[in-house]
Each structure stands twice: as C-alpha cells, then as structure tokens.
Amino acid sequence: MKTRIKELRARDHLTQQQLADKVNVRRETIVFLEKGKYNPSLKLAYEISQVFALSIEEVFQLGFD
C-alpha cells in the first residue's frame, strides 16, 4: 500500500514520533507505514487521515500496479 504520510508529515512539520503519539501507536508503526511494509487497520487509517484533515483515500493508495 502506498501512502503520502511522509509528505504530509513534512507539510505539517510533524516527526514520526509526534504522529505516532497523536494516533496512539509506536513510532516503528509509522516507519513501516511510510515504507509500505504495513497495512493499517481501517481505524488507524481513519485516525491518521483525521490528523491531516484528509480522506483515507487521499492518504492511502492501494498499489495494484
């Protein structure tokens, strides 16, 4: 799964730890999400999208190509 988390964090001046704290996960979870090595639960995807005031679809993209 592709994400825009790294780009959005930079836009909002958030560290991985700050984002992790906002959504109650470990920093490593954010690292794995950014690298596309972890697919979030719907709840986590929703919480992350809320932090950036975007829809889930604007933050996460299924990589079928």
PDB file of N, CA and C in Angstrom:
ATOM      1  N   MET A   1       0.847  -1.173   0.000  1.00  0.00           N
ATOM      2  CA  MET A   1       0.000   0.000   0.000  1.00  0.00           C
ATOM      3  C   MET A   1       0.894   1.238   0.000  1.00  0.00           C
ATOM      4  N   LYS A   2       0.589   2.159  -0.873  1.00  0.00           N
ATOM      5  CA  LYS A   2       1.346   3.403  -0.926  1.00  0.00           C
ATOM      6  C   LYS A   2       0.671   4.441  -0.028  1.00  0.00           C
ATOM      7  N   THR A   3       1.501   5.272   0.588  1.00  0.00           N
ATOM      8  CA  THR A   3       0.949   6.322   1.444  1.00  0.00           C
ATOM      9  C   THR A   3       1.630   7.653   1.162  1.00  0.00           C
ATOM     10  N   ARG A   4       0.964   8.704   1.576  1.00  0.00           N
ATOM     11  CA  ARG A   4       1.531  10.048   1.497  1.00  0.00           C
ATOM     12  C   ARG A   4       1.926  10.543   2.886  1.00  0.00           C
ATOM     13  N   ILE A   5       2.068   9.629   3.834  1.00  0.00           N
ATOM     14  CA  ILE A   5       2.295  10.033   5.226  1.00  0.00           C
ATOM     15  C   ILE A   5       3.563  10.870   5.368  1.00  0.00           C
ATOM     16  N   LYS A   6       4.656  10.426   4.771  1.00  0.00           N
ATOM     17  CA  LYS A   6       5.914  11.168   4.907  1.00  0.00           C
ATOM     18  C   LYS A   6       5.774  12.590   4.361  1.00  0.00           C
ATOM     19  N   GLU A   7       5.175  12.708   3.190  1.00  0.00           N
ATOM     20  CA  GLU A   7       4.941  14.025   2.565  1.00  0.00           C
ATOM     21  C   GLU A   7       4.046  14.893   3.452  1.00  0.00           C
ATOM     22  N   LEU A   8       2.990  14.306   3.977  1.00  0.00           N
ATOM     23  CA  LEU A   8       2.050  15.067   4.809  1.00  0.00           C
ATOM     24  C   LEU A   8       2.659  15.460   6.150  1.00  0.00           C
ATOM     25  N   ARG A   9       3.484  14.579   6.704  1.00  0.00           N
ATOM     26  CA  ARG A   9       4.185  14.935   7.948  1.00  0.00           C
ATOM     27  C   ARG A   9       5.089  16.132   7.727  1.00  0.00           C
ATOM     28  N   ALA A  10       5.808  16.130   6.605  1.00  0.00           N
ATOM     29  CA  ALA A  10       6.706  17.245   6.290  1.00  0.00           C
ATOM     30  C   ALA A  10       5.909  18.533   6.125  1.00  0.00           C
ATOM     31  N   ARG A  11       4.786  18.437   5.443  1.00  0.00           N
ATOM     32  CA  ARG A  11       3.921  19.609   5.239  1.00  0.00           C
ATOM     33  C   ARG A  11       3.490  20.212   6.567  1.00  0.00           C
ATOM     34  N   ASP A  12       3.163  19.338   7.521  1.00  0.00           N
ATOM     35  CA  ASP A  12       2.650  19.786   8.817  1.00  0.00           C
ATOM     36  C   ASP A  12       3.726  19.873   9.896  1.00  0.00           C
ATOM     37  N   HIS A  13       4.989  19.668   9.507  1.00  0.00           N
ATOM     38  CA  HIS A  13       6.120  19.757  10.434  1.00  0.00           C
ATOM     39  C   HIS A  13       5.957  18.800  11.622  1.00  0.00           C
ATOM     40  N   LEU A  14       5.580  17.562  11.329  1.00  0.00           N
ATOM     41  CA  LEU A  14       5.434  16.538  12.366  1.00  0.00           C
ATOM     42  C   LEU A  14       6.545  15.509  12.241  1.00  0.00           C
ATOM     43  N   THR A  15       7.079  15.083  13.357  1.00  0.00           N
ATOM     44  CA  THR A  15       8.030  13.969  13.347  1.00  0.00           C
ATOM     45  C   THR A  15       7.227  12.669  13.338  1.00  0.00           C
ATOM     46  N   GLN A  16       7.925  11.578  13.069  1.00  0.00           N
ATOM     47  CA  GLN A  16       7.266  10.276  13.141  1.00  0.00           C
ATOM     48  C   GLN A  16       6.723  10.039  14.543  1.00  0.00           C
ATOM     49  N   GLN A  17       7.494  10.413  15.547  1.00  0.00           N
ATOM     50  CA  GLN A  17       7.061  10.212  16.933  1.00  0.00           C
ATOM     51  C   GLN A  17       5.826  11.039  17.252  1.00  0.00           C
ATOM     52  N   GLN A  18       5.792  12.289  16.793  1.00  0.00           N
ATOM     53  CA  GLN A  18       4.628  13.139  17.065  1.00  0.00           C
ATOM     54  C   GLN A  18       3.363  12.563  16.436  1.00  0.00           C
ATOM     55  N   LEU A  19       3.477  12.079  15.203  1.00  0.00           N
ATOM     56  CA  LEU A  19       2.314  11.461  14.558  1.00  0.00           C
ATOM     57  C   LEU A  19       1.916  10.195  15.307  1.00  0.00           C
ATOM     58  N   ALA A  20       2.889   9.385  15.664  1.00  0.00           N
ATOM     59  CA  ALA A  20       2.603   8.156  16.413  1.00  0.00           C
ATOM     60  C   ALA A  20       1.866   8.472  17.711  1.00  0.00           C
ATOM     61  N   ASP A  21       2.309   9.494  18.411  1.00  0.00           N
ATOM     62  CA  ASP A  21       1.659   9.887  19.664  1.00  0.00           C
ATOM     63  C   ASP A  21       0.213  10.312  19.428  1.00  0.00           C
ATOM     64  N   LYS A  22      -0.033  11.020  18.328  1.00  0.00           N
ATOM     65  CA  LYS A  22      -1.387  11.505  18.023  1.00  0.00           C
ATOM     66  C   LYS A  22      -2.357  10.354  17.744  1.00  0.00           C
ATOM     67  N   VAL A  23      -1.857   9.258  17.195  1.00  0.00           N
ATOM     68  CA  VAL A  23      -2.740   8.147  16.838  1.00  0.00           C
ATOM     69  C   VAL A  23      -2.518   6.913  17.727  1.00  0.00           C
ATOM     70  N   ASN A  24      -1.751   7.089  18.785  1.00  0.00           N
ATOM     71  CA  ASN A  24      -1.533   6.046  19.803  1.00  0.00           C
ATOM     72  C   ASN A  24      -0.943   4.752  19.246  1.00  0.00           C
ATOM     73  N   VAL A  25       0.139   4.904  18.467  1.00  0.00           N
ATOM     74  CA  VAL A  25       0.902   3.739  18.007  1.00  0.00           C
ATOM     75  C   VAL A  25       2.375   4.007  18.271  1.00  0.00           C
ATOM     76  N   ARG A  26       3.191   2.994  18.068  1.00  0.00           N
ATOM     77  CA  ARG A  26       4.634   3.170  18.214  1.00  0.00           C
ATOM     78  C   ARG A  26       5.205   3.847  16.974  1.00  0.00           C
ATOM     79  N   ARG A  27       6.322   4.526  17.145  1.00  0.00           N
ATOM     80  CA  ARG A  27       6.974   5.201  16.026  1.00  0.00           C
ATOM     81  C   ARG A  27       7.296   4.212  14.910  1.00  0.00           C
ATOM     82  N   GLU A  28       7.665   3.000  15.292  1.00  0.00           N
ATOM     83  CA  GLU A  28       8.002   1.976  14.295  1.00  0.00           C
ATOM     84  C   GLU A  28       6.833   1.671  13.363  1.00  0.00           C
ATOM     85  N   THR A  29       5.620   1.776  13.875  1.00  0.00           N
ATOM     86  CA  THR A  29       4.443   1.561  13.036  1.00  0.00           C
ATOM     87  C   THR A  29       4.385   2.613  11.933  1.00  0.00           C
ATOM     88  N   ILE A  30       4.691   3.850  12.272  1.00  0.00           N
ATOM     89  CA  ILE A  30       4.710   4.925  11.270  1.00  0.00           C
ATOM     90  C   ILE A  30       5.809   4.661  10.253  1.00  0.00           C
ATOM     91  N   VAL A  31       6.975   4.219  10.727  1.00  0.00           N
ATOM     92  CA  VAL A  31       8.079   3.884   9.819  1.00  0.00           C
ATOM     93  C   VAL A  31       7.631   2.826   8.821  1.00  0.00           C
ATOM     94  N   PHE A  32       7.020   1.748   9.309  1.00  0.00           N
ATOM     95  CA  PHE A  32       6.574   0.661   8.428  1.00  0.00           C
ATOM     96  C   PHE A  32       5.488   1.128   7.471  1.00  0.00           C
ATOM     97  N   LEU A  33       4.591   1.988   7.936  1.00  0.00           N
ATOM     98  CA  LEU A  33       3.555   2.533   7.052  1.00  0.00           C
ATOM     99  C   LEU A  33       4.182   3.339   5.921  1.00  0.00           C
ATOM    100  N   GLU A  34       5.139   4.187   6.276  1.00  0.00           N
ATOM    101  CA  GLU A  34       5.785   5.035   5.263  1.00  0.00           C
ATOM    102  C   GLU A  34       6.546   4.208   4.230  1.00  0.00           C
ATOM    103  N   LYS A  35       7.091   3.081   4.652  1.00  0.00           N
ATOM    104  CA  LYS A  35       7.845   2.222   3.738  1.00  0.00           C
ATOM    105  C   LYS A  35       6.944   1.256   2.975  1.00  0.00           C
ATOM    106  N   GLY A  36       5.648   1.282   3.253  1.00  0.00           N
ATOM    107  CA  GLY A  36       4.724   0.383   2.582  1.00  0.00           C
ATOM    108  C   GLY A  36       4.823  -1.050   3.043  1.00  0.00           C
ATOM    109  N   LYS A  37       5.357  -1.269   4.239  1.00  0.00           N
ATOM    110  CA  LYS A  37       5.552  -2.620   4.756  1.00  0.00           C
ATOM    111  C   LYS A  37       4.480  -3.022   5.765  1.00  0.00           C
ATOM    112  N   TYR A  38       3.488  -2.172   5.950  1.00  0.00           N
ATOM    113  CA  TYR A  38       2.433  -2.453   6.923  1.00  0.00           C
ATOM    114  C   TYR A  38       1.135  -1.863   6.404  1.00  0.00           C
ATOM    115  N   ASN A  39       0.079  -2.668   6.410  1.00  0.00           N
ATOM    116  CA  ASN A  39      -1.244  -2.175   6.035  1.00  0.00           C
ATOM    117  C   ASN A  39      -2.012  -1.862   7.309  1.00  0.00           C
ATOM    118  N   PRO A  40      -2.450  -0.623   7.454  1.00  0.00           N
ATOM    119  CA  PRO A  40      -3.120  -0.232   8.689  1.00  0.00           C
ATOM    120  C   PRO A  40      -4.535  -0.795   8.770  1.00  0.00           C
ATOM    121  N   SER A  41      -5.023  -0.899   9.983  1.00  0.00           N
ATOM    122  CA  SER A  41      -6.440  -1.220  10.171  1.00  0.00           C
ATOM    123  C   SER A  41      -7.248  -0.023   9.664  1.00  0.00           C
ATOM    124  N   LEU A  42      -8.513  -0.246   9.427  1.00  0.00           N
ATOM    125  CA  LEU A  42      -9.382   0.854   8.989  1.00  0.00           C
ATOM    126  C   LEU A  42      -9.406   1.957  10.045  1.00  0.00           C
ATOM    127  N   LYS A  43      -9.416   1.558  11.308  1.00  0.00           N
ATOM    128  CA  LYS A  43      -9.427   2.539  12.406  1.00  0.00           C
ATOM    129  C   LYS A  43      -8.166   3.400  12.376  1.00  0.00           C
ATOM    130  N   LEU A  44      -6.997   2.773  12.222  1.00  0.00           N
ATOM    131  CA  LEU A  44      -5.753   3.531  12.191  1.00  0.00           C
ATOM    132  C   LEU A  44      -5.680   4.420  10.947  1.00  0.00           C
ATOM    133  N   ALA A  45      -6.098   3.899   9.811  1.00  0.00           N
ATOM    134  CA  ALA A  45      -6.109   4.704   8.588  1.00  0.00           C
ATOM    135  C   ALA A  45      -6.998   5.931   8.769  1.00  0.00           C
ATOM    136  N   TYR A  46      -8.151   5.739   9.397  1.00  0.00           N
ATOM    137  CA  TYR A  46      -9.066   6.853   9.664  1.00  0.00           C
ATOM    138  C   TYR A  46      -8.423   7.876  10.599  1.00  0.00           C
ATOM    139  N   GLU A  47      -7.806   7.413  11.667  1.00  0.00           N
ATOM    140  CA  GLU A  47      -7.193   8.324  12.636  1.00  0.00           C
ATOM    141  C   GLU A  47      -6.062   9.127  12.003  1.00  0.00           C
ATOM    142  N   ILE A  48      -5.239   8.483  11.188  1.00  0.00           N
ATOM    143  CA  ILE A  48      -4.152   9.192  10.513  1.00  0.00           C
ATOM    144  C   ILE A  48      -4.718  10.218   9.543  1.00  0.00           C
ATOM    145  N   SER A  49      -5.737   9.841   8.794  1.00  0.00           N
ATOM    146  CA  SER A  49      -6.321  10.786   7.840  1.00  0.00           C
ATOM    147  C   SER A  49      -6.931  11.983   8.564  1.00  0.00           C
ATOM    148  N   GLN A  50      -7.497  11.756   9.750  1.00  0.00           N
ATOM    149  CA  GLN A  50      -8.065  12.856  10.536  1.00  0.00           C
ATOM    150  C   GLN A  50      -6.983  13.837  10.996  1.00  0.00           C
ATOM    151  N   VAL A  51      -5.809  13.324  11.347  1.00  0.00           N
ATOM    152  CA  VAL A  51      -4.706  14.194  11.759  1.00  0.00           C
ATOM    153  C   VAL A  51      -4.375  15.191  10.646  1.00  0.00           C
ATOM    154  N   PHE A  52      -4.429  14.715   9.401  1.00  0.00           N
ATOM    155  CA  PHE A  52      -4.080  15.561   8.254  1.00  0.00           C
ATOM    156  C   PHE A  52      -5.291  16.241   7.626  1.00  0.00           C
ATOM    157  N   ALA A  53      -6.472  16.039   8.200  1.00  0.00           N
ATOM    158  CA  ALA A  53      -7.724  16.628   7.695  1.00  0.00           C
ATOM    159  C   ALA A  53      -7.964  16.257   6.233  1.00  0.00           C
ATOM    160  N   LEU A  54      -7.729  14.977   5.923  1.00  0.00           N
ATOM    161  CA  LEU A  54      -7.941  14.463   4.574  1.00  0.00           C
ATOM    162  C   LEU A  54      -8.765  13.186   4.656  1.00  0.00           C
ATOM    163  N   SER A  55      -9.247  12.738   3.496  1.00  0.00           N
ATOM    164  CA  SER A  55      -9.945  11.453   3.461  1.00  0.00           C
ATOM    165  C   SER A  55      -8.905  10.333   3.485  1.00  0.00           C
ATOM    166  N   ILE A  56      -9.353   9.143   3.835  1.00  0.00           N
ATOM    167  CA  ILE A  56      -8.459   7.985   3.827  1.00  0.00           C
ATOM    168  C   ILE A  56      -7.853   7.808   2.443  1.00  0.00           C
ATOM    169  N   GLU A  57      -8.667   7.981   1.405  1.00  0.00           N
ATOM    170  CA  GLU A  57      -8.203   7.796   0.030  1.00  0.00           C
ATOM    171  C   GLU A  57      -7.125   8.800  -0.375  1.00  0.00           C
ATOM    172  N   GLU A  58      -7.121   9.964   0.263  1.00  0.00           N
ATOM    173  CA  GLU A  58      -6.106  10.979  -0.038  1.00  0.00           C
ATOM    174  C   GLU A  58      -4.771  10.672   0.635  1.00  0.00           C
ATOM    175  N   VAL A  59      -4.795   9.843   1.652  1.00  0.00           N
ATOM    176  CA  VAL A  59      -3.576   9.492   2.387  1.00  0.00           C
ATOM    177  C   VAL A  59      -3.022   8.143   1.933  1.00  0.00           C
ATOM    178  N   PHE A  60      -3.919   7.192   1.685  1.00  0.00           N
ATOM    179  CA  PHE A  60      -3.502   5.824   1.347  1.00  0.00           C
ATOM    180  C   PHE A  60      -3.998   5.454  -0.051  1.00  0.00           C
ATOM    181  N   GLN A  61      -3.134   4.750  -0.782  1.00  0.00           N
ATOM    182  CA  GLN A  61      -3.488   4.268  -2.123  1.00  0.00           C
ATOM    183  C   GLN A  61      -3.129   2.807  -2.228  1.00  0.00           C
ATOM    184  N   LEU A  62      -4.057   2.002  -2.718  1.00  0.00           N
ATOM    185  CA  LEU A  62      -3.754   0.598  -2.954  1.00  0.00           C
ATOM    186  C   LEU A  62      -2.820   0.509  -4.156  1.00  0.00           C
ATOM    187  N   GLY A  63      -1.753  -0.247  -4.027  1.00  0.00           N
ATOM    188  CA  GLY A  63      -0.770  -0.367  -5.095  1.00  0.00           C
ATOM    189  C   GLY A  63      -0.996  -1.602  -5.927  1.00  0.00           C
ATOM    190  N   PHE A  64      -1.851  -1.503  -6.922  1.00  0.00           N
ATOM    191  CA  PHE A  64      -2.131  -2.645  -7.785  1.00  0.00           C
ATOM    192  C   PHE A  64      -1.263  -2.669  -9.022  1.00  0.00           C
ATOM    193  N   ASP A  65      -0.434  -1.673  -9.235  1.00  0.00           N
ATOM    194  CA  ASP A  65       0.383  -1.645 -10.462  1.00  0.00           C
ATOM    195  C   ASP A  65       1.759  -2.175 -10.241  1.00  0.00           C
TER     196      ASP A  65
END
